[in-house]
PDB file of all heavy atoms in Angstrom:
ATOM      1  N   THR A   1      22.472   0.093 -10.063  1.00  0.00           N
ATOM      2  CA  THR A   1      21.673   1.287 -10.350  1.00  0.00           C
ATOM      3  C   THR A   1      20.213   1.305  -9.693  1.00  0.00           C
ATOM      4  O   THR A   1      19.615   2.378  -9.487  1.00  0.00           O
ATOM      5  CB  THR A   1      21.472   1.508 -11.867  1.00  0.00           C
ATOM      6  OG1 THR A   1      20.581   0.384 -12.241  1.00  0.00           O
ATOM      7  CG2 THR A   1      22.633   1.504 -12.568  1.00  0.00           C
ATOM      8  N   HIS A   2      19.761   0.170  -9.278  1.00  0.00           N
ATOM      9  CA  HIS A   2      18.380   0.071  -8.752  1.00  0.00           C
ATOM     10  C   HIS A   2      17.381   0.528  -9.770  1.00  0.00           C
ATOM     11  O   HIS A   2      16.264   0.757  -9.533  1.00  0.00           O
ATOM     12  CB  HIS A   2      18.177   0.785  -7.452  1.00  0.00           C
ATOM     13  CG  HIS A   2      18.925   0.312  -6.327  1.00  0.00           C
ATOM     14  ND1 HIS A   2      18.653   0.642  -5.095  1.00  0.00           N
ATOM     15  CD2 HIS A   2      20.006  -0.649  -6.261  1.00  0.00           C
ATOM     16  CE1 HIS A   2      19.499  -0.044  -4.171  1.00  0.00           C
ATOM     17  NE2 HIS A   2      20.359  -0.660  -4.999  1.00  0.00           N
ATOM     18  N   GLY A   3      17.813   0.533 -10.987  1.00  0.00           N
ATOM     19  CA  GLY A   3      16.809   1.061 -12.049  1.00  0.00           C
ATOM     20  C   GLY A   3      16.419   2.402 -12.050  1.00  0.00           C
ATOM     21  O   GLY A   3      15.545   2.926 -12.676  1.00  0.00           O
ATOM     22  N   GLY A   4      17.187   3.135 -11.096  1.00  0.00           N
ATOM     23  CA  GLY A   4      16.768   4.530 -10.816  1.00  0.00           C
ATOM     24  C   GLY A   4      15.968   4.680  -9.498  1.00  0.00           C
ATOM     25  O   GLY A   4      15.926   5.707  -8.759  1.00  0.00           O
ATOM     26  N   GLN A   5      15.323   3.585  -9.105  1.00  0.00           N
ATOM     27  CA  GLN A   5      14.649   3.320  -7.923  1.00  0.00           C
ATOM     28  C   GLN A   5      13.359   4.269  -7.816  1.00  0.00           C
ATOM     29  O   GLN A   5      12.276   3.679  -7.606  1.00  0.00           O
ATOM     30  CB  GLN A   5      15.455   3.608  -6.672  1.00  0.00           C
ATOM     31  CG  GLN A   5      14.909   3.146  -5.280  1.00  0.00           C
ATOM     32  CD  GLN A   5      15.860   2.951  -4.248  1.00  0.00           C
ATOM     33  OE1 GLN A   5      16.983   2.716  -4.249  1.00  0.00           O
ATOM     34  NE2 GLN A   5      15.198   3.200  -2.934  1.00  0.00           N
ATOM     35  N   LEU A   6      13.530   5.464  -7.941  1.00  0.00           N
ATOM     36  CA  LEU A   6      12.403   6.431  -8.052  1.00  0.00           C
ATOM     37  C   LEU A   6      12.329   7.098  -9.306  1.00  0.00           C
ATOM     38  O   LEU A   6      13.193   7.881  -9.709  1.00  0.00           O
ATOM     39  CB  LEU A   6      12.512   7.600  -6.866  1.00  0.00           C
ATOM     40  CG  LEU A   6      12.595   7.018  -5.488  1.00  0.00           C
ATOM     41  CD1 LEU A   6      12.712   8.219  -4.565  1.00  0.00           C
ATOM     42  CD2 LEU A   6      11.329   6.281  -5.018  1.00  0.00           C
ATOM     43  N   CYS A   7      11.373   6.500 -10.148  1.00  0.00           N
ATOM     44  CA  CYS A   7      11.249   6.947 -11.511  1.00  0.00           C
ATOM     45  C   CYS A   7       9.875   7.673 -11.813  1.00  0.00           C
ATOM     46  O   CYS A   7       9.046   7.632 -11.014  1.00  0.00           O
ATOM     47  CB  CYS A   7      11.259   5.639 -12.414  1.00  0.00           C
ATOM     48  SG  CYS A   7      12.850   4.811 -12.272  1.00  0.00           S
ATOM     49  N   ILE A   8       9.819   8.360 -12.894  1.00  0.00           N
ATOM     50  CA  ILE A   8       8.668   9.034 -13.279  1.00  0.00           C
ATOM     51  C   ILE A   8       7.958   8.223 -14.452  1.00  0.00           C
ATOM     52  O   ILE A   8       8.650   8.046 -15.480  1.00  0.00           O
ATOM     53  CB  ILE A   8       9.025  10.431 -13.820  1.00  0.00           C
ATOM     54  CG1 ILE A   8       9.641  11.308 -12.546  1.00  0.00           C
ATOM     55  CG2 ILE A   8       7.775  11.252 -14.339  1.00  0.00           C
ATOM     56  CD1 ILE A   8      10.031  12.643 -13.101  1.00  0.00           C
ATOM     57  N   PRO A   9       6.745   7.842 -14.328  1.00  0.00           N
ATOM     58  CA  PRO A   9       6.045   7.219 -15.341  1.00  0.00           C
ATOM     59  C   PRO A   9       6.217   7.881 -16.680  1.00  0.00           C
ATOM     60  O   PRO A   9       6.095   9.203 -16.831  1.00  0.00           O
ATOM     61  CB  PRO A   9       4.704   7.096 -14.830  1.00  0.00           C
ATOM     62  CG  PRO A   9       4.669   7.247 -13.439  1.00  0.00           C
ATOM     63  CD  PRO A   9       5.855   8.110 -13.030  1.00  0.00           C
ATOM     64  N   PHE A  10       6.405   7.190 -17.826  1.00  0.00           N
ATOM     65  CA  PHE A  10       6.578   7.637 -19.118  1.00  0.00           C
ATOM     66  C   PHE A  10       7.807   8.574 -19.304  1.00  0.00           C
ATOM     67  O   PHE A  10       8.090   9.020 -20.438  1.00  0.00           O
ATOM     68  CB  PHE A  10       5.398   8.368 -19.665  1.00  0.00           C
ATOM     69  CG  PHE A  10       4.056   7.587 -19.461  1.00  0.00           C
ATOM     70  CD1 PHE A  10       3.147   8.131 -18.304  1.00  0.00           C
ATOM     71  CD2 PHE A  10       3.801   6.499 -20.043  1.00  0.00           C
ATOM     72  CE1 PHE A  10       1.993   7.301 -18.197  1.00  0.00           C
ATOM     73  CE2 PHE A  10       2.548   5.816 -19.836  1.00  0.00           C
ATOM     74  CZ  PHE A  10       1.698   6.201 -18.746  1.00  0.00           C
ATOM     75  N   TYR A  11       8.568   8.733 -18.238  1.00  0.00           N
ATOM     76  CA  TYR A  11       9.907   9.393 -18.400  1.00  0.00           C
ATOM     77  C   TYR A  11      11.159   8.509 -18.049  1.00  0.00           C
ATOM     78  O   TYR A  11      12.049   8.448 -18.756  1.00  0.00           O
ATOM     79  CB  TYR A  11       9.856  10.635 -17.463  1.00  0.00           C
ATOM     80  CG  TYR A  11      11.089  11.318 -17.542  1.00  0.00           C
ATOM     81  CD1 TYR A  11      11.495  12.229 -18.700  1.00  0.00           C
ATOM     82  CD2 TYR A  11      12.281  11.252 -16.563  1.00  0.00           C
ATOM     83  CE1 TYR A  11      12.729  12.962 -18.714  1.00  0.00           C
ATOM     84  CE2 TYR A  11      13.293  11.997 -16.587  1.00  0.00           C
ATOM     85  CZ  TYR A  11      13.576  12.785 -17.616  1.00  0.00           C
ATOM     86  OH  TYR A  11      14.854  13.500 -17.631  1.00  0.00           O
ATOM     87  N   GLY A  12      10.927   7.864 -16.853  1.00  0.00           N
ATOM     88  CA  GLY A  12      11.985   6.886 -16.537  1.00  0.00           C
ATOM     89  C   GLY A  12      12.827   7.316 -15.428  1.00  0.00           C
ATOM     90  O   GLY A  12      12.343   8.227 -14.513  1.00  0.00           O
ATOM     91  N   ALA A  13      14.088   6.950 -15.345  1.00  0.00           N
ATOM     92  CA  ALA A  13      14.911   7.201 -14.160  1.00  0.00           C
ATOM     93  C   ALA A  13      15.395   8.676 -14.098  1.00  0.00           C
ATOM     94  O   ALA A  13      15.629   9.232 -15.260  1.00  0.00           O
ATOM     95  CB  ALA A  13      16.092   6.301 -14.260  1.00  0.00           C
ATOM     96  N   LEU A  14      15.482   9.271 -13.027  1.00  0.00           N
ATOM     97  CA  LEU A  14      15.991  10.491 -12.886  1.00  0.00           C
ATOM     98  C   LEU A  14      17.504  10.480 -12.654  1.00  0.00           C
ATOM     99  O   LEU A  14      18.272  11.365 -13.237  1.00  0.00           O
ATOM    100  CB  LEU A  14      15.408  11.310 -11.669  1.00  0.00           C
ATOM    101  CG  LEU A  14      13.901  11.476 -11.560  1.00  0.00           C
ATOM    102  CD1 LEU A  14      13.504  12.100 -10.321  1.00  0.00           C
ATOM    103  CD2 LEU A  14      13.621  12.606 -12.672  1.00  0.00           C
ATOM    104  N   VAL A  15      18.098   9.461 -12.133  1.00  0.00           N
ATOM    105  CA  VAL A  15      19.485   9.264 -11.790  1.00  0.00           C
ATOM    106  C   VAL A  15      19.965   7.791 -12.151  1.00  0.00           C
ATOM    107  O   VAL A  15      19.004   6.919 -11.894  1.00  0.00           O
ATOM    108  CB  VAL A  15      19.911   9.708 -10.455  1.00  0.00           C
ATOM    109  CG1 VAL A  15      19.664  11.274 -10.273  1.00  0.00           C
ATOM    110  CG2 VAL A  15      19.041   8.918  -9.344  1.00  0.00           C
ATOM    111  N   THR A  16      21.136   7.601 -12.221  1.00  0.00           N
ATOM    112  CA  THR A  16      21.652   6.180 -12.256  1.00  0.00           C
ATOM    113  C   THR A  16      22.718   5.842 -11.212  1.00  0.00           C
ATOM    114  O   THR A  16      22.992   4.725 -11.001  1.00  0.00           O
ATOM    115  CB  THR A  16      22.403   6.051 -13.596  1.00  0.00           C
ATOM    116  OG1 THR A  16      23.571   6.766 -13.767  1.00  0.00           O
ATOM    117  CG2 THR A  16      21.414   6.305 -14.828  1.00  0.00           C
ATOM    118  N   ASN A  17      23.131   6.915 -10.429  1.00  0.00           N
ATOM    119  CA  ASN A  17      24.122   6.656  -9.369  1.00  0.00           C
ATOM    120  C   ASN A  17      25.488   6.141  -9.854  1.00  0.00           C
ATOM    121  O   ASN A  17      26.212   5.556  -9.094  1.00  0.00           O
ATOM    122  CB  ASN A  17      23.506   5.872  -8.219  1.00  0.00           C
ATOM    123  CG  ASN A  17      24.283   5.934  -6.879  1.00  0.00           C
ATOM    124  OD1 ASN A  17      24.972   7.105  -6.653  1.00  0.00           O
ATOM    125  ND2 ASN A  17      24.265   5.042  -6.147  1.00  0.00           N
ATOM    126  N   CYS A  18      25.791   6.336 -11.229  1.00  0.00           N
ATOM    127  CA  CYS A  18      27.044   6.006 -11.675  1.00  0.00           C
ATOM    128  C   CYS A  18      27.196   6.635 -13.096  1.00  0.00           C
ATOM    129  O   CYS A  18      26.367   7.445 -13.458  1.00  0.00           O
ATOM    130  CB  CYS A  18      27.143   4.521 -11.735  1.00  0.00           C
ATOM    131  SG  CYS A  18      26.020   3.753 -12.900  1.00  0.00           S
ATOM    132  N   GLY A  19      28.204   6.161 -13.758  1.00  0.00           N
ATOM    133  CA  GLY A  19      28.501   6.912 -15.109  1.00  0.00           C
ATOM    134  C   GLY A  19      27.627   6.446 -16.310  1.00  0.00           C
ATOM    135  O   GLY A  19      27.490   7.066 -17.395  1.00  0.00           O
ATOM    136  N   ILE A  20      26.746   5.361 -16.051  1.00  0.00           N
ATOM    137  CA  ILE A  20      25.785   4.989 -17.181  1.00  0.00           C
ATOM    138  C   ILE A  20      24.847   6.022 -17.553  1.00  0.00           C
ATOM    139  O   ILE A  20      24.349   6.681 -16.585  1.00  0.00           O
ATOM    140  CB  ILE A  20      25.339   3.637 -16.960  1.00  0.00           C
ATOM    141  CG1 ILE A  20      24.820   2.849 -18.138  1.00  0.00           C
ATOM    142  CG2 ILE A  20      24.205   3.631 -15.879  1.00  0.00           C
ATOM    143  CD1 ILE A  20      25.905   2.279 -19.037  1.00  0.00           C
ATOM    144  N   ASP A  21      24.380   5.993 -18.681  1.00  0.00           N
ATOM    145  CA  ASP A  21      23.253   7.005 -19.085  1.00  0.00           C
ATOM    146  C   ASP A  21      21.921   6.497 -18.548  1.00  0.00           C
ATOM    147  O   ASP A  21      21.761   5.311 -18.324  1.00  0.00           O
ATOM    148  CB  ASP A  21      23.313   7.208 -20.656  1.00  0.00           C
ATOM    149  CG  ASP A  21      23.321   5.912 -21.417  1.00  0.00           C
ATOM    150  OD1 ASP A  21      24.285   5.317 -21.433  1.00  0.00           O
ATOM    151  OD2 ASP A  21      22.307   5.614 -21.840  1.00  0.00           O
ATOM    152  N   ARG A  22      20.951   7.479 -18.500  1.00  0.00           N
ATOM    153  CA  ARG A  22      19.604   7.002 -17.937  1.00  0.00           C
ATOM    154  C   ARG A  22      18.885   6.042 -19.023  1.00  0.00           C
ATOM    155  O   ARG A  22      18.129   5.061 -18.419  1.00  0.00           O
ATOM    156  CB  ARG A  22      18.754   8.301 -17.935  1.00  0.00           C
ATOM    157  CG  ARG A  22      19.072   9.175 -16.673  1.00  0.00           C
ATOM    158  CD  ARG A  22      18.058  10.322 -16.476  1.00  0.00           C
ATOM    159  NE  ARG A  22      17.577  10.923 -17.806  1.00  0.00           N
ATOM    160  CZ  ARG A  22      16.565  10.543 -18.394  1.00  0.00           C
ATOM    161  NH1 ARG A  22      15.716   9.723 -18.010  1.00  0.00           N
ATOM    162  NH2 ARG A  22      16.317  11.287 -19.520  1.00  0.00           N
ATOM    163  N   ALA A  23      19.151   6.030 -20.248  1.00  0.00           N
ATOM    164  CA  ALA A  23      18.487   5.221 -21.095  1.00  0.00           C
ATOM    165  C   ALA A  23      18.915   3.712 -20.867  1.00  0.00           C
ATOM    166  O   ALA A  23      18.100   2.824 -21.260  1.00  0.00           O
ATOM    167  CB  ALA A  23      18.914   5.570 -22.611  1.00  0.00           C
ATOM    168  N   ARG A  24      20.060   3.521 -20.224  1.00  0.00           N
ATOM    169  CA  ARG A  24      20.533   2.100 -19.975  1.00  0.00           C
ATOM    170  C   ARG A  24      20.520   1.850 -18.571  1.00  0.00           C
ATOM    171  O   ARG A  24      21.327   0.939 -18.079  1.00  0.00           O
ATOM    172  CB  ARG A  24      21.860   1.934 -20.674  1.00  0.00           C
ATOM    173  CG  ARG A  24      21.895   2.027 -22.182  1.00  0.00           C
ATOM    174  CD  ARG A  24      23.121   1.589 -22.871  1.00  0.00           C
ATOM    175  NE  ARG A  24      24.228   2.620 -22.458  1.00  0.00           N
ATOM    176  CZ  ARG A  24      25.524   2.491 -22.648  1.00  0.00           C
ATOM    177  NH1 ARG A  24      26.011   1.334 -23.162  1.00  0.00           N
ATOM    178  NH2 ARG A  24      26.369   3.358 -22.218  1.00  0.00           N
ATOM    179  N   VAL A  25      19.773   2.452 -17.799  1.00  0.00           N
ATOM    180  CA  VAL A  25      19.826   2.252 -16.255  1.00  0.00           C
ATOM    181  C   VAL A  25      19.292   0.894 -15.827  1.00  0.00           C
ATOM    182  O   VAL A  25      19.607   0.352 -14.751  1.00  0.00           O
ATOM    183  CB  VAL A  25      18.939   3.314 -15.647  1.00  0.00           C
ATOM    184  CG1 VAL A  25      17.426   3.185 -15.898  1.00  0.00           C
ATOM    185  CG2 VAL A  25      19.152   3.387 -14.088  1.00  0.00           C
ATOM    186  N   LYS A  26      18.563   0.246 -16.762  1.00  0.00           N
ATOM    187  CA  LYS A  26      18.193  -1.235 -16.519  1.00  0.00           C
ATOM    188  C   LYS A  26      17.898  -1.815 -17.780  1.00  0.00           C
ATOM    189  O   LYS A  26      17.644  -1.277 -18.783  1.00  0.00           O
ATOM    190  CB  LYS A  26      16.983  -1.287 -15.585  1.00  0.00           C
ATOM    191  CG  LYS A  26      15.670  -0.724 -16.130  1.00  0.00           C
ATOM    192  CD  LYS A  26      14.614  -0.812 -15.096  1.00  0.00           C
ATOM    193  CE  LYS A  26      13.267  -0.237 -15.663  1.00  0.00           C
ATOM    194  NZ  LYS A  26      12.207  -0.416 -14.712  1.00  0.00           N
ATOM    195  N   GLY A  27      17.885  -3.140 -17.907  1.00  0.00           N
ATOM    196  CA  GLY A  27      17.495  -3.891 -19.023  1.00  0.00           C
ATOM    197  C   GLY A  27      18.640  -4.269 -19.975  1.00  0.00           C
ATOM    198  O   GLY A  27      19.809  -4.154 -19.651  1.00  0.00           O
ATOM    199  N   LEU A  28      18.312  -4.706 -21.161  1.00  0.00           N
ATOM    200  CA  LEU A  28      19.190  -5.280 -22.109  1.00  0.00           C
ATOM    201  C   LEU A  28      19.511  -4.177 -23.206  1.00  0.00           C
ATOM    202  O   LEU A  28      18.615  -3.717 -23.852  1.00  0.00           O
ATOM    203  CB  LEU A  28      18.757  -6.386 -22.769  1.00  0.00           C
ATOM    204  CG  LEU A  28      19.699  -7.218 -23.746  1.00  0.00           C
ATOM    205  CD1 LEU A  28      20.837  -7.855 -23.001  1.00  0.00           C
ATOM    206  CD2 LEU A  28      19.013  -8.351 -24.479  1.00  0.00           C
ATOM    207  N   HIS A  29      20.727  -3.903 -23.419  1.00  0.00           N
ATOM    208  CA  HIS A  29      21.193  -2.991 -24.344  1.00  0.00           C
ATOM    209  C   HIS A  29      22.549  -3.415 -24.965  1.00  0.00           C
ATOM    210  O   HIS A  29      23.008  -4.390 -24.698  1.00  0.00           O
ATOM    211  CB  HIS A  29      21.459  -1.455 -23.571  1.00  0.00           C
ATOM    212  CG  HIS A  29      20.172  -1.105 -22.981  1.00  0.00           C
ATOM    213  ND1 HIS A  29      19.137  -0.522 -23.534  1.00  0.00           N
ATOM    214  CD2 HIS A  29      19.800  -1.163 -21.666  1.00  0.00           C
ATOM    215  CE1 HIS A  29      18.216  -0.012 -22.759  1.00  0.00           C
ATOM    216  NE2 HIS A  29      18.592  -0.565 -21.484  1.00  0.00           N
ATOM    217  N   ARG A  30      23.111  -2.418 -25.691  1.00  0.00           N
ATOM    218  CA  ARG A  30      24.437  -2.638 -26.347  1.00  0.00           C
ATOM    219  C   ARG A  30      25.485  -1.747 -25.762  1.00  0.00           C
ATOM    220  O   ARG A  30      25.139  -0.650 -25.362  1.00  0.00           O
ATOM    221  CB  ARG A  30      24.484  -2.465 -27.816  1.00  0.00           C
ATOM    222  CG  ARG A  30      23.564  -3.523 -28.531  1.00  0.00           C
ATOM    223  CD  ARG A  30      23.815  -4.931 -28.410  1.00  0.00           C
ATOM    224  NE  ARG A  30      25.275  -5.292 -28.852  1.00  0.00           N
ATOM    225  CZ  ARG A  30      25.532  -5.861 -29.940  1.00  0.00           C
ATOM    226  NH1 ARG A  30      24.452  -6.086 -30.907  1.00  0.00           N
ATOM    227  NH2 ARG A  30      26.721  -6.186 -30.320  1.00  0.00           N
ATOM    228  N   HIS A  31      26.650  -2.187 -25.709  1.00  0.00           N
ATOM    229  CA  HIS A  31      27.814  -1.348 -25.457  1.00  0.00           C
ATOM    230  C   HIS A  31      28.953  -1.689 -26.318  1.00  0.00           C
ATOM    231  O   HIS A  31      29.491  -2.786 -26.209  1.00  0.00           O
ATOM    232  CB  HIS A  31      28.374  -1.322 -23.934  1.00  0.00           C
ATOM    233  CG  HIS A  31      29.380  -0.240 -23.575  1.00  0.00           C
ATOM    234  ND1 HIS A  31      28.967   0.887 -23.084  1.00  0.00           N
ATOM    235  CD2 HIS A  31      30.734  -0.313 -23.779  1.00  0.00           C
ATOM    236  CE1 HIS A  31      30.051   1.643 -22.972  1.00  0.00           C
ATOM    237  NE2 HIS A  31      31.072   0.914 -23.286  1.00  0.00           N
ATOM    238  N   ASP A  32      29.192  -0.798 -27.250  1.00  0.00           N
ATOM    239  CA  ASP A  32      30.112  -1.167 -28.354  1.00  0.00           C
ATOM    240  C   ASP A  32      29.772  -2.468 -28.901  1.00  0.00           C
ATOM    241  O   ASP A  32      28.609  -2.710 -29.365  1.00  0.00           O
ATOM    242  CB  ASP A  32      31.536  -1.186 -27.816  1.00  0.00           C
ATOM    243  CG  ASP A  32      31.910   0.290 -27.186  1.00  0.00           C
ATOM    244  OD1 ASP A  32      31.443   1.181 -27.784  1.00  0.00           O
ATOM    245  OD2 ASP A  32      32.866   0.221 -26.552  1.00  0.00           O
ATOM    246  N   SER A  33      30.574  -3.526 -28.975  1.00  0.00           N
ATOM    247  CA  SER A  33      30.382  -4.720 -29.590  1.00  0.00           C
ATOM    248  C   SER A  33      29.646  -5.764 -28.703  1.00  0.00           C
ATOM    249  O   SER A  33      29.181  -6.892 -29.136  1.00  0.00           O
ATOM    250  CB  SER A  33      31.708  -5.473 -30.118  1.00  0.00           C
ATOM    251  OG  SER A  33      32.541  -5.665 -29.013  1.00  0.00           O
ATOM    252  N   ALA A  34      29.400  -5.372 -27.453  1.00  0.00           N
ATOM    253  CA  ALA A  34      28.896  -6.384 -26.483  1.00  0.00           C
ATOM    254  C   ALA A  34      27.501  -6.116 -26.041  1.00  0.00           C
ATOM    255  O   ALA A  34      27.067  -4.858 -26.244  1.00  0.00           O
ATOM    256  CB  ALA A  34      29.706  -6.260 -25.184  1.00  0.00           C
ATOM    257  N   TYR A  35      26.801  -7.069 -25.729  1.00  0.00           N
ATOM    258  CA  TYR A  35      25.463  -6.848 -25.046  1.00  0.00           C
ATOM    259  C   TYR A  35      25.712  -6.532 -23.623  1.00  0.00           C
ATOM    260  O   TYR A  35      26.586  -7.100 -22.962  1.00  0.00           O
ATOM    261  CB  TYR A  35      24.509  -8.118 -25.125  1.00  0.00           C
ATOM    262  CG  TYR A  35      23.957  -8.302 -26.568  1.00  0.00           C
ATOM    263  CD1 TYR A  35      24.703  -9.076 -27.527  1.00  0.00           C
ATOM    264  CD2 TYR A  35      22.791  -7.769 -26.826  1.00  0.00           C
ATOM    265  CE1 TYR A  35      24.035  -9.303 -28.728  1.00  0.00           C
ATOM    266  CE2 TYR A  35      22.176  -7.889 -28.065  1.00  0.00           C
ATOM    267  CZ  TYR A  35      22.894  -8.509 -29.035  1.00  0.00           C
ATOM    268  OH  TYR A  35      22.248  -8.853 -30.316  1.00  0.00           O
TER     269      TYR A  35
END
């Protein structure tokens, strides 16, 4: 995802370049039972 690569401060990524949502474009999150 490159974390969105070009982001807006206090807003975050505009795109993810795949099916993942913007909120999980980088970092540690959950997906169902997994980290």
